[in-house]
C-alpha cells in the first residue's frame, strides 16, 4: 500500500473520478440554478465549488506517480506512457481551472 506505483495509479483514478463528478455536478447546478442562489450560496453549491481543489491535489499525485514510474521503472513502458499522458492531461485541466477562475 505504500508503494509509490500504487499511489500514483490511485491518484490518477481519483483524479478522473473527481473530474467527472465536478463536471457533472457543475452542469447539474447550472441547470437547476434558481434566482435565490445569486443572493445566498447554498451548501451544495459550495461543495461543488470546492471540488477543483480536490482535483488539484489528485493532479499533483498523478504527476508524482508518473515521475516515480519513470525514475524507478515501476511499470511497463506502455503503462508509464499512459501515466504520463494522464499527468499531462491533469496539468492541462488544472491550468484550465485556474484560467476559468475556479482556482487561485
PDB file of N, CA and C in Angstrom:
ATOM      1  N   UNK A   1       0.817  -1.188   0.000  1.00  0.00           N
ATOM      2  CA  UNK A   1       0.000   0.000   0.000  1.00  0.00           C
ATOM      3  C   UNK A   1       0.865   1.259   0.000  1.00  0.00           C
ATOM      4  N   UNK A   2       2.075   1.155   0.472  1.00  0.00           N
ATOM      5  CA  UNK A   2       2.966   2.319   0.466  1.00  0.00           C
ATOM      6  C   UNK A   2       3.802   2.409  -0.799  1.00  0.00           C
ATOM      7  N   UNK A   3       3.566   1.517  -1.711  1.00  0.00           N
ATOM      8  CA  UNK A   3       4.291   1.500  -2.972  1.00  0.00           C
ATOM      9  C   UNK A   3       3.936   2.756  -3.774  1.00  0.00           C
ATOM     10  N   UNK A   4       4.928   3.532  -4.210  1.00  0.00           N
ATOM     11  CA  UNK A   4       4.632   4.745  -4.976  1.00  0.00           C
ATOM     12  C   UNK A   4       3.893   4.471  -6.280  1.00  0.00           C
ATOM     13  N   UNK A   5       4.103   3.306  -6.867  1.00  0.00           N
ATOM     14  CA  UNK A   5       3.401   2.975  -8.104  1.00  0.00           C
ATOM     15  C   UNK A   5       1.908   2.851  -7.843  1.00  0.00           C
ATOM     16  N   UNK A   6       1.560   2.206  -6.753  1.00  0.00           N
ATOM     17  CA  UNK A   6       0.146   2.067  -6.401  1.00  0.00           C
ATOM     18  C   UNK A   6      -0.476   3.419  -6.086  1.00  0.00           C
ATOM     19  N   UNK A   7       0.239   4.268  -5.383  1.00  0.00           N
ATOM     20  CA  UNK A   7      -0.285   5.599  -5.045  1.00  0.00           C
ATOM     21  C   UNK A   7      -0.449   6.468  -6.289  1.00  0.00           C
ATOM     22  N   UNK A   8       0.466   6.342  -7.232  1.00  0.00           N
ATOM     23  CA  UNK A   8       0.346   7.096  -8.480  1.00  0.00           C
ATOM     24  C   UNK A   8      -0.875   6.685  -9.275  1.00  0.00           C
ATOM     25  N   UNK A   9      -1.112   5.386  -9.368  1.00  0.00           N
ATOM     26  CA  UNK A   9      -2.300   4.908 -10.083  1.00  0.00           C
ATOM     27  C   UNK A   9      -3.577   5.271  -9.344  1.00  0.00           C
ATOM     28  N   UNK A  10      -3.560   5.167  -8.018  1.00  0.00           N
ATOM     29  CA  UNK A  10      -4.752   5.504  -7.236  1.00  0.00           C
ATOM     30  C   UNK A  10      -5.096   6.984  -7.362  1.00  0.00           C
ATOM     31  N   UNK A  11      -4.088   7.841  -7.373  1.00  0.00           N
ATOM     32  CA  UNK A  11      -4.372   9.264  -7.523  1.00  0.00           C
ATOM     33  C   UNK A  11      -4.849   9.582  -8.938  1.00  0.00           C
ATOM     34  N   UNK A  12      -4.384   8.834  -9.939  1.00  0.00           N
ATOM     35  CA  UNK A  12      -4.879   9.037 -11.301  1.00  0.00           C
ATOM     36  C   UNK A  12      -6.352   8.649 -11.404  1.00  0.00           C
ATOM     37  N   UNK A  13      -6.717   7.546 -10.765  1.00  0.00           N
ATOM     38  CA  UNK A  13      -8.125   7.136 -10.757  1.00  0.00           C
ATOM     39  C   UNK A  13      -8.958   8.156  -9.985  1.00  0.00           C
ATOM     40  N   UNK A  14      -8.440   8.609  -8.850  1.00  0.00           N
ATOM     41  CA  UNK A  14      -9.143   9.641  -8.077  1.00  0.00           C
ATOM     42  C   UNK A  14      -9.305  10.929  -8.868  1.00  0.00           C
ATOM     43  N   UNK A  15      -8.279  11.288  -9.627  1.00  0.00           N
ATOM     44  CA  UNK A  15      -8.362  12.485 -10.458  1.00  0.00           C
ATOM     45  C   UNK A  15      -9.480  12.354 -11.484  1.00  0.00           C
ATOM     46  N   UNK A  16      -9.512  11.226 -12.187  1.00  0.00           N
ATOM     47  CA  UNK A  16     -10.529  11.029 -13.233  1.00  0.00           C
ATOM     48  C   UNK A  16     -11.937  11.026 -12.644  1.00  0.00           C
ATOM     49  N   UNK A  17     -12.122  10.352 -11.531  1.00  0.00           N
ATOM     50  CA  UNK A  17     -13.445  10.292 -10.908  1.00  0.00           C
ATOM     51  C   UNK A  17     -13.866  11.669 -10.408  1.00  0.00           C
ATOM     52  N   UNK A  18     -12.958  12.403  -9.792  1.00  0.00           N
ATOM     53  CA  UNK A  18     -13.288  13.726  -9.271  1.00  0.00           C
ATOM     54  C   UNK A  18     -13.599  14.707 -10.390  1.00  0.00           C
ATOM     55  N   UNK A  19     -12.889  14.617 -11.498  1.00  0.00           N
ATOM     56  CA  UNK A  19     -13.183  15.486 -12.640  1.00  0.00           C
ATOM     57  C   UNK A  19     -14.577  15.200 -13.180  1.00  0.00           C
ATOM     58  N   UNK A  20     -14.924  13.924 -13.298  1.00  0.00           N
ATOM     59  CA  UNK A  20     -16.260  13.578 -13.786  1.00  0.00           C
ATOM     60  C   UNK A  20     -17.347  14.043 -12.822  1.00  0.00           C
ATOM     61  N   UNK A  21     -17.120  13.883 -11.527  1.00  0.00           N
ATOM     62  CA  UNK A  21     -18.095  14.342 -10.534  1.00  0.00           C
ATOM     63  C   UNK A  21     -18.222  15.864 -10.583  1.00  0.00           C
ATOM     64  N   UNK A  22     -17.096  16.565 -10.695  1.00  0.00           N
ATOM     65  CA  UNK A  22     -17.139  18.030 -10.746  1.00  0.00           C
ATOM     66  C   UNK A  22     -17.875  18.508 -11.989  1.00  0.00           C
ATOM     67  N   UNK A  23     -17.542  17.956 -13.136  1.00  0.00           N
ATOM     68  CA  UNK A  23     -18.184  18.394 -14.382  1.00  0.00           C
ATOM     69  C   UNK A  23     -19.677  18.097 -14.363  1.00  0.00           C
ATOM     70  N   UNK A  24     -20.038  16.897 -13.938  1.00  0.00           N
ATOM     71  CA  UNK A  24     -21.454  16.540 -13.890  1.00  0.00           C
ATOM     72  C   UNK A  24     -22.243  17.360 -12.898  1.00  0.00           C
ATOM     73  N   UNK A  25     -21.690  17.555 -11.706  1.00  0.00           N
ATOM     74  CA  UNK A  25     -22.419  18.323 -10.698  1.00  0.00           C
ATOM     75  C   UNK A  25     -22.455  19.810 -11.052  1.00  0.00           C
ATOM     76  N   UNK A  26     -21.431  20.305 -11.736  1.00  0.00           N
ATOM     77  CA  UNK A  26     -21.455  21.713 -12.128  1.00  0.00           C
ATOM     78  C   UNK A  26     -22.508  21.957 -13.206  1.00  0.00           C
ATOM     79  N   UNK A  27     -22.614  21.040 -14.162  1.00  0.00           N
ATOM     80  CA  UNK A  27     -23.655  21.161 -15.183  1.00  0.00           C
ATOM     81  C   UNK A  27     -25.030  21.039 -14.544  1.00  0.00           C
ATOM     82  N   UNK A  28     -25.194  20.085 -13.627  1.00  0.00           N
ATOM     83  CA  UNK A  28     -26.457  19.926 -12.921  1.00  0.00           C
ATOM     84  C   UNK A  28     -26.796  21.184 -12.129  1.00  0.00           C
ATOM     85  N   UNK A  29     -25.796  21.793 -11.514  1.00  0.00           N
ATOM     86  CA  UNK A  29     -26.008  23.022 -10.745  1.00  0.00           C
ATOM     87  C   UNK A  29     -26.450  24.156 -11.654  1.00  0.00           C
ATOM     88  N   UNK A  30     -25.816  24.302 -12.789  1.00  0.00           N
ATOM     89  CA  UNK A  30     -26.186  25.376 -13.704  1.00  0.00           C
ATOM     90  C   UNK A  30     -27.589  25.178 -14.274  1.00  0.00           C
ATOM     91  N   UNK A  31     -27.980  23.923 -14.462  1.00  0.00           N
ATOM     92  CA  UNK A  31     -29.312  23.666 -14.995  1.00  0.00           C
ATOM     93  C   UNK A  31     -30.404  23.934 -13.953  1.00  0.00           C
ATOM     94  N   UNK A  32     -30.077  23.762 -12.673  1.00  0.00           N
ATOM     95  CA  UNK A  32     -31.068  23.906 -11.613  1.00  0.00           C
ATOM     96  C   UNK A  32     -30.864  25.156 -10.759  1.00  0.00           C
ATOM     97  N   UNK A  33     -30.136  26.111 -11.272  1.00  0.00           N
ATOM     98  CA  UNK A  33     -29.864  27.328 -10.516  1.00  0.00           C
ATOM     99  C   UNK A  33     -31.104  28.208 -10.493  1.00  0.00           C
ATOM    100  N   UNK A  34     -31.518  28.599  -9.313  1.00  0.00           N
ATOM    101  CA  UNK A  34     -32.680  29.477  -9.212  1.00  0.00           C
ATOM    102  C   UNK A  34     -32.220  30.879  -8.855  1.00  0.00           C
ATOM    103  N   UNK A  35     -33.149  31.778  -8.754  1.00  0.00           N
ATOM    104  CA  UNK A  35     -32.814  33.187  -8.546  1.00  0.00           C
ATOM    105  C   UNK A  35     -32.243  33.442  -7.153  1.00  0.00           C
ATOM    106  N   UNK A  36     -32.561  32.607  -6.167  1.00  0.00           N
ATOM    107  CA  UNK A  36     -32.069  32.839  -4.817  1.00  0.00           C
ATOM    108  C   UNK A  36     -30.609  32.412  -4.652  1.00  0.00           C
ATOM    109  N   UNK A  37     -30.112  31.580  -5.542  1.00  0.00           N
ATOM    110  CA  UNK A  37     -28.722  31.148  -5.459  1.00  0.00           C
ATOM    111  C   UNK A  37     -27.767  32.301  -5.749  1.00  0.00           C
ATOM    112  N   UNK A  38     -28.268  33.346  -6.383  1.00  0.00           N
ATOM    113  CA  UNK A  38     -27.417  34.509  -6.636  1.00  0.00           C
ATOM    114  C   UNK A  38     -27.246  35.356  -5.378  1.00  0.00           C
ATOM    115  N   UNK A  39     -28.175  35.262  -4.435  1.00  0.00           N
ATOM    116  CA  UNK A  39     -28.097  36.023  -3.198  1.00  0.00           C
ATOM    117  C   UNK A  39     -27.401  35.242  -2.089  1.00  0.00           C
ATOM    118  N   UNK A  40     -27.772  33.991  -1.939  1.00  0.00           N
ATOM    119  CA  UNK A  40     -27.218  33.133  -0.900  1.00  0.00           C
ATOM    120  C   UNK A  40     -26.690  31.871  -1.584  1.00  0.00           C
ATOM    121  N   UNK A  41     -25.427  31.576  -1.372  1.00  0.00           N
ATOM    122  CA  UNK A  41     -24.838  30.393  -1.997  1.00  0.00           C
ATOM    123  C   UNK A  41     -25.185  29.172  -1.144  1.00  0.00           C
ATOM    124  N   UNK A  42     -25.958  28.227  -1.696  1.00  0.00           N
ATOM    125  CA  UNK A  42     -26.335  27.048  -0.920  1.00  0.00           C
ATOM    126  C   UNK A  42     -25.132  26.166  -0.602  1.00  0.00           C
ATOM    127  N   UNK A  43     -25.292  25.298   0.377  1.00  0.00           N
ATOM    128  CA  UNK A  43     -24.195  24.424   0.807  1.00  0.00           C
ATOM    129  C   UNK A  43     -23.783  23.466  -0.302  1.00  0.00           C
ATOM    130  N   UNK A  44     -24.727  22.955  -1.063  1.00  0.00           N
ATOM    131  CA  UNK A  44     -24.379  22.021  -2.129  1.00  0.00           C
ATOM    132  C   UNK A  44     -23.573  22.704  -3.225  1.00  0.00           C
ATOM    133  N   UNK A  45     -23.848  23.995  -3.463  1.00  0.00           N
ATOM    134  CA  UNK A  45     -23.056  24.727  -4.454  1.00  0.00           C
ATOM    135  C   UNK A  45     -21.652  25.001  -3.928  1.00  0.00           C
ATOM    136  N   UNK A  46     -21.526  25.256  -2.640  1.00  0.00           N
ATOM    137  CA  UNK A  46     -20.201  25.438  -2.051  1.00  0.00           C
ATOM    138  C   UNK A  46     -19.386  24.149  -2.132  1.00  0.00           C
ATOM    139  N   UNK A  47     -20.066  23.012  -1.967  1.00  0.00           N
ATOM    140  CA  UNK A  47     -19.369  21.726  -2.084  1.00  0.00           C
ATOM    141  C   UNK A  47     -18.883  21.497  -3.514  1.00  0.00           C
ATOM    142  N   UNK A  48     -19.696  21.857  -4.489  1.00  0.00           N
ATOM    143  CA  UNK A  48     -19.302  21.713  -5.893  1.00  0.00           C
ATOM    144  C   UNK A  48     -18.121  22.622  -6.204  1.00  0.00           C
ATOM    145  N   UNK A  49     -18.131  23.829  -5.663  1.00  0.00           N
ATOM    146  CA  UNK A  49     -17.041  24.767  -5.932  1.00  0.00           C
ATOM    147  C   UNK A  49     -15.762  24.432  -5.164  1.00  0.00           C
ATOM    148  N   UNK A  50     -15.839  23.508  -4.212  1.00  0.00           N
ATOM    149  CA  UNK A  50     -14.640  23.057  -3.502  1.00  0.00           C
ATOM    150  C   UNK A  50     -13.956  21.904  -4.227  1.00  0.00           C
ATOM    151  N   UNK A  51     -14.638  21.261  -5.148  1.00  0.00           N
ATOM    152  CA  UNK A  51     -14.069  20.110  -5.857  1.00  0.00           C
ATOM    153  C   UNK A  51     -12.825  20.436  -6.688  1.00  0.00           C
ATOM    154  N   UNK A  52     -12.673  21.629  -7.276  1.00  0.00           N
ATOM    155  CA  UNK A  52     -11.434  21.889  -8.019  1.00  0.00           C
ATOM    156  C   UNK A  52     -10.166  21.777  -7.169  1.00  0.00           C
ATOM    157  N   UNK A  53     -10.262  22.052  -5.873  1.00  0.00           N
ATOM    158  CA  UNK A  53      -9.092  21.897  -5.007  1.00  0.00           C
ATOM    159  C   UNK A  53      -8.743  20.412  -4.836  1.00  0.00           C
ATOM    160  N   UNK A  54      -9.752  19.563  -4.763  1.00  0.00           N
ATOM    161  CA  UNK A  54      -9.528  18.122  -4.686  1.00  0.00           C
ATOM    162  C   UNK A  54      -8.921  17.635  -6.003  1.00  0.00           C
ATOM    163  N   UNK A  55      -9.413  18.175  -7.114  1.00  0.00           N
ATOM    164  CA  UNK A  55      -8.857  17.827  -8.428  1.00  0.00           C
ATOM    165  C   UNK A  55      -7.381  18.201  -8.484  1.00  0.00           C
ATOM    166  N   UNK A  56      -7.014  19.357  -7.960  1.00  0.00           N
ATOM    167  CA  UNK A  56      -5.618  19.802  -7.987  1.00  0.00           C
ATOM    168  C   UNK A  56      -4.727  18.880  -7.157  1.00  0.00           C
ATOM    169  N   UNK A  57      -5.211  18.425  -6.017  1.00  0.00           N
ATOM    170  CA  UNK A  57      -4.420  17.516  -5.181  1.00  0.00           C
ATOM    171  C   UNK A  57      -4.211  16.186  -5.901  1.00  0.00           C
ATOM    172  N   UNK A  58      -5.274  15.646  -6.495  1.00  0.00           N
ATOM    173  CA  UNK A  58      -5.124  14.399  -7.245  1.00  0.00           C
ATOM    174  C   UNK A  58      -4.221  14.586  -8.460  1.00  0.00           C
ATOM    175  N   UNK A  59      -4.251  15.758  -9.080  1.00  0.00           N
ATOM    176  CA  UNK A  59      -3.372  16.020 -10.226  1.00  0.00           C
ATOM    177  C   UNK A  59      -1.903  16.003  -9.795  1.00  0.00           C
ATOM    178  N   UNK A  60      -1.618  16.589  -8.648  1.00  0.00           N
ATOM    179  CA  UNK A  60      -0.236  16.550  -8.144  1.00  0.00           C
ATOM    180  C   UNK A  60       0.202  15.115  -7.865  1.00  0.00           C
ATOM    181  N   UNK A  61      -0.690  14.314  -7.306  1.00  0.00           N
ATOM    182  CA  UNK A  61      -0.366  12.910  -7.064  1.00  0.00           C
ATOM    183  C   UNK A  61      -0.147  12.137  -8.351  1.00  0.00           C
ATOM    184  N   UNK A  62      -0.918  12.460  -9.376  1.00  0.00           N
ATOM    185  CA  UNK A  62      -0.763  11.797 -10.667  1.00  0.00           C
ATOM    186  C   UNK A  62       0.581  12.148 -11.300  1.00  0.00           C
ATOM    187  N   UNK A  63       0.959  13.406 -11.218  1.00  0.00           N
ATOM    188  CA  UNK A  63       2.262  13.828 -11.760  1.00  0.00           C
ATOM    189  C   UNK A  63       3.395  13.168 -10.975  1.00  0.00           C
ATOM    190  N   UNK A  64       3.262  13.137  -9.652  1.00  0.00           N
ATOM    191  CA  UNK A  64       4.297  12.494  -8.829  1.00  0.00           C
ATOM    192  C   UNK A  64       4.391  11.006  -9.143  1.00  0.00           C
ATOM    193  N   UNK A  65       3.257  10.367  -9.387  1.00  0.00           N
ATOM    194  CA  UNK A  65       3.270   8.952  -9.752  1.00  0.00           C
ATOM    195  C   UNK A  65       3.941   8.713 -11.094  1.00  0.00           C
ATOM    196  N   UNK A  66       3.712   9.611 -12.043  1.00  0.00           N
ATOM    197  CA  UNK A  66       4.352   9.471 -13.356  1.00  0.00           C
ATOM    198  C   UNK A  66       5.868   9.638 -13.237  1.00  0.00           C
ATOM    199  N   UNK A  67       6.296  10.620 -12.476  1.00  0.00           N
ATOM    200  CA  UNK A  67       7.731  10.838 -12.285  1.00  0.00           C
ATOM    201  C   UNK A  67       8.357   9.632 -11.599  1.00  0.00           C
ATOM    202  N   UNK A  68       7.688   9.129 -10.565  1.00  0.00           N
ATOM    203  CA  UNK A  68       8.204   7.966  -9.852  1.00  0.00           C
ATOM    204  C   UNK A  68       8.221   6.728 -10.752  1.00  0.00           C
ATOM    205  N   UNK A  69       7.218   6.602 -11.594  1.00  0.00           N
ATOM    206  CA  UNK A  69       7.177   5.459 -12.510  1.00  0.00           C
ATOM    207  C   UNK A  69       8.331   5.452 -13.483  1.00  0.00           C
ATOM    208  N   UNK A  70       8.704   6.619 -14.002  1.00  0.00           N
ATOM    209  CA  UNK A  70       9.830   6.689 -14.930  1.00  0.00           C
ATOM    210  C   UNK A  70      11.157   6.553 -14.188  1.00  0.00           C
ATOM    211  N   UNK A  71      11.240   7.138 -13.015  1.00  0.00           N
ATOM    212  CA  UNK A  71      12.513   7.128 -12.292  1.00  0.00           C
ATOM    213  C   UNK A  71      12.876   5.725 -11.801  1.00  0.00           C
ATOM    214  N   UNK A  72      11.879   4.978 -11.320  1.00  0.00           N
ATOM    215  CA  UNK A  72      12.156   3.674 -10.726  1.00  0.00           C
ATOM    216  C   UNK A  72      11.662   2.497 -11.567  1.00  0.00           C
ATOM    217  N   UNK A  73      11.172   2.758 -12.766  1.00  0.00           N
ATOM    218  CA  UNK A  73      10.687   1.718 -13.694  1.00  0.00           C
ATOM    219  C   UNK A  73       9.675   0.780 -13.034  1.00  0.00           C
ATOM    220  N   UNK A  74       8.641   1.372 -12.440  1.00  0.00           N
ATOM    221  CA  UNK A  74       7.634   0.573 -11.738  1.00  0.00           C
ATOM    222  C   UNK A  74       6.773  -0.256 -12.683  1.00  0.00           C
ATOM    223  N   UNK A  75       6.453   0.269 -13.857  1.00  0.00           N
ATOM    224  CA  UNK A  75       5.505  -0.377 -14.752  1.00  0.00           C
ATOM    225  C   UNK A  75       6.176  -0.689 -16.080  1.00  0.00           C
ATOM    226  N   UNK A  76       5.388  -1.268 -16.960  1.00  0.00           N
ATOM    227  CA  UNK A  76       5.879  -1.495 -18.320  1.00  0.00           C
ATOM    228  C   UNK A  76       5.957  -0.149 -19.050  1.00  0.00           C
ATOM    229  N   UNK A  77       6.536  -0.155 -20.215  1.00  0.00           N
ATOM    230  CA  UNK A  77       6.673   1.082 -20.987  1.00  0.00           C
ATOM    231  C   UNK A  77       5.307   1.654 -21.351  1.00  0.00           C
ATOM    232  N   UNK A  78       4.376   0.797 -21.741  1.00  0.00           N
ATOM    233  CA  UNK A  78       3.035   1.267 -22.104  1.00  0.00           C
ATOM    234  C   UNK A  78       2.326   1.885 -20.903  1.00  0.00           C
ATOM    235  N   UNK A  79       2.470   1.292 -19.744  1.00  0.00           N
ATOM    236  CA  UNK A  79       1.834   1.837 -18.539  1.00  0.00           C
ATOM    237  C   UNK A  79       2.464   3.165 -18.145  1.00  0.00           C
ATOM    238  N   UNK A  80       3.767   3.297 -18.298  1.00  0.00           N
ATOM    239  CA  UNK A  80       4.421   4.575 -17.975  1.00  0.00           C
ATOM    240  C   UNK A  80       3.995   5.671 -18.942  1.00  0.00           C
ATOM    241  N   UNK A  81       3.844   5.329 -20.222  1.00  0.00           N
ATOM    242  CA  UNK A  81       3.366   6.316 -21.190  1.00  0.00           C
ATOM    243  C   UNK A  81       1.937   6.716 -20.864  1.00  0.00           C
ATOM    244  N   UNK A  82       1.114   5.742 -20.502  1.00  0.00           N
ATOM    245  CA  UNK A  82      -0.274   6.027 -20.124  1.00  0.00           C
ATOM    246  C   UNK A  82      -0.328   6.947 -18.910  1.00  0.00           C
ATOM    247  N   UNK A  83       0.481   6.670 -17.897  1.00  0.00           N
ATOM    248  CA  UNK A  83       0.506   7.513 -16.702  1.00  0.00           C
ATOM    249  C   UNK A  83       1.013   8.913 -17.042  1.00  0.00           C
ATOM    250  N   UNK A  84       1.956   9.022 -17.959  1.00  0.00           N
ATOM    251  CA  UNK A  84       2.470  10.328 -18.365  1.00  0.00           C
ATOM    252  C   UNK A  84       1.406  11.125 -19.112  1.00  0.00           C
ATOM    253  N   UNK A  85       0.641  10.459 -19.961  1.00  0.00           N
ATOM    254  CA  UNK A  85      -0.455  11.138 -20.671  1.00  0.00           C
ATOM    255  C   UNK A  85      -1.499  11.625 -19.665  1.00  0.00           C
ATOM    256  N   UNK A  86      -1.832  10.790 -18.682  1.00  0.00           N
ATOM    257  CA  UNK A  86      -2.767  11.217 -17.641  1.00  0.00           C
ATOM    258  C   UNK A  86      -2.226  12.405 -16.856  1.00  0.00           C
ATOM    259  N   UNK A  87      -0.935  12.390 -16.561  1.00  0.00           N
ATOM    260  CA  UNK A  87      -0.331  13.502 -15.834  1.00  0.00           C
ATOM    261  C   UNK A  87      -0.376  14.787 -16.664  1.00  0.00           C
ATOM    262  N   UNK A  88      -0.111  14.674 -17.958  1.00  0.00           N
ATOM    263  CA  UNK A  88      -0.198  15.855 -18.829  1.00  0.00           C
ATOM    264  C   UNK A  88      -1.612  16.408 -18.898  1.00  0.00           C
ATOM    265  N   UNK A  89      -2.592  15.508 -19.020  1.00  0.00           N
ATOM    266  CA  UNK A  89      -3.988  15.956 -19.031  1.00  0.00           C
ATOM    267  C   UNK A  89      -4.380  16.583 -17.697  1.00  0.00           C
ATOM    268  N   UNK A  90      -3.850  16.038 -16.607  1.00  0.00           N
ATOM    269  CA  UNK A  90      -4.136  16.602 -15.296  1.00  0.00           C
ATOM    270  C   UNK A  90      -3.592  18.022 -15.181  1.00  0.00           C
ATOM    271  N   UNK A  91      -2.380  18.223 -15.677  1.00  0.00           N
ATOM    272  CA  UNK A  91      -1.788  19.563 -15.638  1.00  0.00           C
ATOM    273  C   UNK A  91      -2.600  20.532 -16.490  1.00  0.00           C
ATOM    274  N   UNK A  92      -2.995  20.101 -17.665  1.00  0.00           N
ATOM    275  CA  UNK A  92      -3.800  20.961 -18.536  1.00  0.00           C
ATOM    276  C   UNK A  92      -5.161  21.287 -17.921  1.00  0.00           C
ATOM    277  N   UNK A  93      -5.790  20.303 -17.263  1.00  0.00           N
ATOM    278  CA  UNK A  93      -7.092  20.543 -16.660  1.00  0.00           C
ATOM    279  C   UNK A  93      -6.981  21.506 -15.484  1.00  0.00           C
ATOM    280  N   UNK A  94      -5.957  21.353 -14.664  1.00  0.00           N
ATOM    281  CA  UNK A  94      -5.767  22.277 -13.538  1.00  0.00           C
ATOM    282  C   UNK A  94      -5.450  23.672 -14.060  1.00  0.00           C
ATOM    283  N   UNK A  95      -4.668  23.766 -15.119  1.00  0.00           N
ATOM    284  CA  UNK A  95      -4.390  25.069 -15.712  1.00  0.00           C
ATOM    285  C   UNK A  95      -5.689  25.708 -16.216  1.00  0.00           C
ATOM    286  N   UNK A  96      -6.553  24.913 -16.848  1.00  0.00           N
ATOM    287  CA  UNK A  96      -7.825  25.432 -17.344  1.00  0.00           C
ATOM    288  C   UNK A  96      -8.725  25.873 -16.195  1.00  0.00           C
ATOM    289  N   UNK A  97      -8.728  25.139 -15.095  1.00  0.00           N
ATOM    290  CA  UNK A  97      -9.492  25.561 -13.926  1.00  0.00           C
ATOM    291  C   UNK A  97      -8.974  26.880 -13.373  1.00  0.00           C
ATOM    292  N   UNK A  98      -7.661  27.075 -13.448  1.00  0.00           N
ATOM    293  CA  UNK A  98      -7.074  28.334 -12.988  1.00  0.00           C
ATOM    294  C   UNK A  98      -7.460  29.486 -13.920  1.00  0.00           C
ATOM    295  N   UNK A  99      -7.434  29.244 -15.207  1.00  0.00           N
ATOM    296  CA  UNK A  99      -7.806  30.278 -16.181  1.00  0.00           C
ATOM    297  C   UNK A  99      -9.278  30.666 -16.014  1.00  0.00           C
ATOM    298  N   UNK A 100     -10.124  29.685 -15.772  1.00  0.00           N
ATOM    299  CA  UNK A 100     -11.562  29.951 -15.614  1.00  0.00           C
ATOM    300  C   UNK A 100     -11.927  30.558 -14.258  1.00  0.00           C
ATOM    301  N   UNK A 101     -10.980  30.591 -13.328  1.00  0.00           N
ATOM    302  CA  UNK A 101     -11.205  31.245 -12.042  1.00  0.00           C
ATOM    303  C   UNK A 101     -11.685  30.332 -10.935  1.00  0.00           C
ATOM    304  N   UNK A 102     -11.651  29.020 -11.158  1.00  0.00           N
ATOM    305  CA  UNK A 102     -12.044  28.094 -10.092  1.00  0.00           C
ATOM    306  C   UNK A 102     -10.938  27.892  -9.075  1.00  0.00           C
ATOM    307  N   UNK A 103      -9.701  28.103  -9.481  1.00  0.00           N
ATOM    308  CA  UNK A 103      -8.539  28.001  -8.592  1.00  0.00           C
ATOM    309  C   UNK A 103      -7.813  29.336  -8.599  1.00  0.00           C
ATOM    310  N   UNK A 104      -7.204  29.689  -7.472  1.00  0.00           N
ATOM    311  CA  UNK A 104      -6.470  30.971  -7.446  1.00  0.00           C
ATOM    312  C   UNK A 104      -5.159  30.913  -8.209  1.00  0.00           C
TER     313      UNK A 104
END
